[in-house]
Amino acid sequence: MMDGLAISMEQTIPEGLLTSRKLNELLVALTVKYCLNDEEEIVRSYYRRNVKKYLPLLEIRRDRNNNTMQCGENPYFVASLVDENGKSITAPRLN
């Protein structure tokens, strides 16, 4: 979990334990638990995107340049694939 540029919580999950879909769900769940203030924010985040009251707080954003995914505003959650030294690596493409 990032708060501005500071890491406020960190968890390492061994490779292969989560599918891409489950990782997305995990980012959303953590964002709901730690970042949203009330039920109205949660409900409005699930509205359809074209609805005026929709809040994009639970959208997963991908940064292909930095090989990361994130969810939330501030604070927000970031996920990336890293090696044993914590250096970001590119996920292999599966056929």
Protein backbone atom coordinates (compact mmCIF):
# COMPACT_ATOMS: atom_id res chain seq x y z
CA MET A 1 0.00 0.00 0.00
CA MET A 2 1.34 3.38 -0.99
CA ASP A 3 0.50 6.63 0.75
CA GLY A 4 1.86 9.27 -1.56
CA LEU A 5 5.37 8.02 -2.33
CA ALA A 6 5.76 6.16 0.97
CA ILE A 7 5.18 2.42 1.32
CA SER A 8 2.83 1.93 4.27
CA MET A 9 2.27 -1.82 3.88
CA GLU A 10 4.06 -4.49 1.86
CA GLN A 11 3.35 -8.17 1.20
CA THR A 12 5.32 -10.58 -0.97
CA ILE A 13 3.35 -13.39 -2.60
CA PRO A 14 5.35 -16.22 -4.18
CA GLU A 15 5.01 -16.55 -7.95
CA GLY A 16 2.32 -18.91 -9.18
CA LEU A 17 -0.07 -18.62 -6.23
CA LEU A 18 -2.39 -16.09 -7.90
CA THR A 19 -3.87 -15.86 -11.35
CA SER A 20 -4.00 -12.45 -13.00
CA ARG A 21 -7.73 -12.31 -12.32
CA LYS A 22 -7.27 -13.16 -8.63
CA LEU A 23 -4.56 -10.50 -8.33
CA ASN A 24 -7.02 -7.93 -9.70
CA GLU A 25 -9.64 -9.08 -7.17
CA LEU A 26 -7.07 -8.87 -4.37
CA LEU A 27 -6.14 -5.29 -5.29
CA VAL A 28 -9.82 -4.31 -5.29
CA ALA A 29 -10.49 -6.04 -1.94
CA LEU A 30 -7.50 -4.36 -0.27
CA THR A 31 -8.50 -0.99 -1.69
CA VAL A 32 -12.05 -1.37 -0.34
CA LYS A 33 -10.79 -2.41 3.09
CA TYR A 34 -8.09 0.21 3.58
CA CYS A 35 -8.84 3.12 1.27
CA LEU A 36 -12.57 3.74 0.90
CA ASN A 37 -14.24 5.80 3.59
CA ASP A 38 -17.86 4.72 3.54
CA GLU A 39 -20.48 2.50 1.96
CA GLU A 40 -21.49 5.17 -0.56
CA GLU A 41 -17.97 5.24 -2.05
CA ILE A 42 -18.01 1.45 -2.33
CA VAL A 43 -21.45 1.33 -3.96
CA ARG A 44 -20.70 4.19 -6.38
CA SER A 45 -17.45 2.47 -7.38
CA TYR A 46 -19.50 -0.47 -8.65
CA TYR A 47 -21.86 1.67 -10.78
CA ARG A 48 -21.55 1.39 -14.55
CA ARG A 49 -18.90 3.72 -15.93
CA ASN A 50 -21.33 5.81 -17.94
CA VAL A 51 -23.44 6.72 -14.87
CA LYS A 52 -22.95 10.29 -13.63
CA LYS A 53 -22.33 9.29 -9.98
CA TYR A 54 -19.79 6.57 -10.86
CA LEU A 55 -16.49 6.71 -8.94
CA PRO A 56 -13.43 5.10 -10.60
CA LEU A 57 -11.86 4.21 -7.24
CA LEU A 58 -11.75 0.45 -7.88
CA GLU A 59 -10.48 0.45 -11.46
CA ILE A 60 -7.28 -1.48 -12.07
CA ARG A 61 -4.72 0.63 -13.92
CA ARG A 62 -1.80 -1.00 -15.69
CA ASP A 63 1.52 0.71 -16.28
CA ARG A 64 3.29 -1.39 -18.89
CA ASN A 65 6.42 0.81 -18.74
CA ASN A 66 6.96 0.02 -15.05
CA ASN A 67 5.30 -3.44 -15.19
CA THR A 68 2.85 -2.59 -12.40
CA MET A 69 -0.87 -2.64 -11.67
CA GLN A 70 -2.56 -0.35 -9.18
CA CYS A 71 -5.95 0.30 -7.65
CA GLY A 72 -7.21 3.24 -5.61
CA GLU A 73 -6.22 6.88 -5.39
CA ASN A 74 -4.34 7.88 -2.24
CA PRO A 75 -3.65 5.67 -0.46
CA TYR A 76 -3.54 3.06 -3.21
CA PHE A 77 -2.31 -0.47 -3.82
CA VAL A 78 0.39 -1.45 -6.31
CA ALA A 79 1.33 -4.92 -7.53
CA SER A 80 4.39 -5.86 -9.52
CA LEU A 81 6.37 -8.98 -10.30
CA VAL A 82 9.82 -8.79 -8.70
CA ASP A 83 12.83 -11.06 -8.39
CA GLU A 84 14.34 -12.27 -5.10
CA ASN A 85 16.17 -8.92 -4.77
CA GLY A 86 12.97 -6.87 -5.16
CA LYS A 87 13.87 -5.73 -8.68
CA SER A 88 10.91 -5.48 -11.08
CA ILE A 89 10.85 -8.12 -13.82
CA THR A 90 8.65 -8.74 -16.84
CA ALA A 91 6.10 -11.53 -16.58
CA PRO A 92 6.59 -14.29 -19.12
CA ARG A 93 4.01 -14.53 -21.91
CA LEU A 94 2.11 -17.77 -22.02
CA ASN A 95 0.97 -19.26 -25.33
